[in-house]
Amino acid sequence: MRKILHLNAAVALAAAAVLSTAAPAAADSSSCTHHVSGPQVCIRLEGSDVWATPVAIWVNPPKNVKTREVALYVNGERPRFSNNPATATRIGKTLSYSWGRSQWDPESKICVRFKDVDRVACERIKSINRAQF
């Protein structure tokens, strides 16, 4: 009987530890253009709930392209940030740029577009609350 009580207590403590470390609203997401050939452009939203950091990624730029201007759009309009448009830089085989963390309106459509590239990658902000039991 004592072993069963200790086992139940251990299970309860383990479950509490897992629940206390879980983020209340993890909302990292990403989206890419899906074309057979040509530029592959992606957007990644890093963060939780409506707080997110947009990241623009050009997956397959030509080898000679080391930097490229990239712009962020919210619901079809370019927000007036001091760093928009910005300069994406090569990291390995990709070009990328990360804007700062911001609070976005729920259901906002966030898009990125690289200069002289006709592909646009978009993702929606989702307000998720997984902490409710």
Protein backbone atom coordinates (compact mmCIF):
# COMPACT_ATOMS: atom_id res chain seq x y z
CA MET A 1 0.00 0.00 0.00
CA ARG A 2 2.85 2.38 0.86
CA LYS A 3 4.49 1.76 -2.57
CA ILE A 4 1.24 2.62 -4.36
CA LEU A 5 0.95 5.90 -2.43
CA HIS A 6 4.57 6.83 -3.26
CA LEU A 7 4.01 5.96 -6.93
CA ASN A 8 0.82 8.07 -7.09
CA ALA A 9 2.61 11.00 -5.43
CA ALA A 10 5.52 10.72 -7.89
CA VAL A 11 3.14 10.69 -10.86
CA ALA A 12 1.27 13.72 -9.51
CA LEU A 13 4.53 15.65 -8.97
CA ALA A 14 5.78 14.78 -12.47
CA ALA A 15 2.51 15.96 -14.03
CA ALA A 16 2.65 19.22 -12.04
CA ALA A 17 6.23 19.83 -13.18
CA VAL A 18 5.31 19.32 -16.83
CA LEU A 19 2.26 21.58 -16.61
CA SER A 20 4.15 24.34 -14.83
CA THR A 21 6.84 24.47 -17.53
CA ALA A 22 4.43 24.45 -20.48
CA ALA A 23 4.04 27.79 -22.23
CA PRO A 24 0.51 29.12 -21.86
CA ALA A 25 0.15 29.95 -25.54
CA ALA A 26 2.99 28.73 -27.69
CA ALA A 27 2.26 29.98 -31.17
CA ASP A 28 5.38 29.53 -33.30
CA SER A 29 4.32 28.99 -36.89
CA SER A 30 5.66 29.25 -40.40
CA SER A 31 4.56 29.30 -44.00
CA CYS A 32 6.41 29.06 -47.31
CA THR A 33 5.62 29.65 -50.95
CA HIS A 34 5.09 26.36 -52.73
CA HIS A 35 6.34 26.50 -56.30
CA VAL A 36 8.15 23.80 -58.24
CA SER A 37 10.88 26.18 -59.40
CA GLY A 38 12.18 29.63 -58.61
CA PRO A 39 12.57 31.46 -55.31
CA GLN A 40 11.31 29.74 -52.15
CA VAL A 41 10.28 32.40 -49.61
CA CYS A 42 9.17 31.68 -46.05
CA ILE A 43 7.90 33.57 -43.03
CA ARG A 44 8.27 32.31 -39.48
CA LEU A 45 6.45 33.83 -36.51
CA GLU A 46 8.32 33.15 -33.28
CA GLY A 47 6.55 33.82 -30.03
CA SER A 48 3.42 33.17 -28.07
CA ASP A 49 -0.13 34.31 -28.58
CA VAL A 50 -0.26 37.75 -30.24
CA TRP A 51 3.37 38.56 -29.28
CA ALA A 52 5.55 37.43 -32.17
CA THR A 53 8.83 38.07 -33.96
CA PRO A 54 8.46 37.85 -37.75
CA VAL A 55 11.38 36.26 -39.60
CA ALA A 56 11.74 36.44 -43.39
CA ILE A 57 13.70 33.62 -45.06
CA TRP A 58 14.69 33.16 -48.70
CA VAL A 59 15.56 29.48 -48.79
CA ASN A 60 17.25 29.20 -52.18
CA PRO A 61 18.82 32.52 -53.25
CA PRO A 62 21.45 32.47 -56.00
CA LYS A 63 24.95 31.86 -54.61
CA ASN A 64 26.13 35.35 -55.60
CA VAL A 65 23.36 37.10 -53.60
CA LYS A 66 24.75 38.05 -50.18
CA THR A 67 22.11 40.61 -49.14
CA ARG A 68 18.67 41.66 -50.33
CA GLU A 69 16.06 44.17 -49.20
CA VAL A 70 13.00 42.57 -47.60
CA ALA A 71 9.76 44.22 -46.53
CA LEU A 72 7.15 43.27 -43.95
CA TYR A 73 3.44 43.76 -44.62
CA VAL A 74 0.55 43.61 -42.16
CA ASN A 75 -2.90 43.14 -43.65
CA GLY A 76 -1.56 44.29 -47.02
CA GLU A 77 0.13 47.47 -45.78
CA ARG A 78 3.75 48.15 -44.90
CA PRO A 79 3.97 49.24 -41.23
CA ARG A 80 6.10 52.28 -40.48
CA PHE A 81 8.98 50.68 -38.62
CA SER A 82 12.41 52.27 -38.73
CA ASN A 83 13.70 48.92 -40.06
CA ASN A 84 11.07 48.28 -42.74
CA PRO A 85 12.20 47.55 -45.36
CA ALA A 86 15.30 45.89 -43.96
CA THR A 87 18.37 44.16 -45.35
CA ALA A 88 18.36 40.38 -45.16
CA THR A 89 21.80 38.80 -44.98
CA ARG A 90 23.16 35.42 -45.96
CA ILE A 91 23.40 32.82 -43.22
CA GLY A 92 24.70 29.62 -44.78
CA LYS A 93 22.61 28.90 -47.86
CA THR A 94 19.70 31.22 -46.97
CA LEU A 95 19.00 34.93 -46.67
CA SER A 96 17.08 35.99 -43.58
CA TYR A 97 16.02 38.93 -41.45
CA SER A 98 14.29 39.03 -38.07
CA TRP A 99 12.22 42.02 -37.00
CA GLY A 100 11.80 42.73 -33.29
CA ARG A 101 9.11 41.17 -31.15
CA SER A 102 5.83 43.06 -31.38
CA GLN A 103 2.25 42.70 -30.30
CA TRP A 104 -0.07 42.08 -33.25
CA ASP A 105 -3.83 42.23 -33.55
CA PRO A 106 -5.37 38.75 -33.49
CA GLU A 107 -5.95 37.33 -36.97
CA SER A 108 -3.54 39.84 -38.59
CA LYS A 109 -2.05 38.60 -41.85
CA ILE A 110 1.74 39.09 -41.74
CA CYS A 111 3.63 38.82 -45.07
CA VAL A 112 7.21 39.19 -46.27
CA ARG A 113 8.49 40.06 -49.73
CA PHE A 114 12.07 40.22 -50.96
CA LYS A 115 12.93 42.94 -53.48
CA ASP A 116 12.88 41.72 -57.10
CA VAL A 117 11.25 38.41 -56.06
CA ASP A 118 7.64 37.89 -57.12
CA ARG A 119 6.82 35.43 -54.30
CA VAL A 120 5.20 36.53 -51.04
CA ALA A 121 4.97 34.36 -47.91
CA CYS A 122 2.19 35.04 -45.40
CA GLU A 123 1.07 33.73 -42.02
CA ARG A 124 -1.78 34.72 -39.69
CA ILE A 125 -1.42 35.68 -36.05
CA LYS A 126 -3.42 33.28 -33.91
CA SER A 127 -4.56 34.07 -30.39
CA ILE A 128 -4.32 30.72 -28.62
CA ASN A 129 -4.86 30.07 -24.94
CA ARG A 130 -3.87 26.51 -24.05
CA ALA A 131 -3.58 27.19 -20.34
CA GLN A 132 -7.30 26.71 -19.64
CA PHE A 133 -8.19 23.44 -17.93
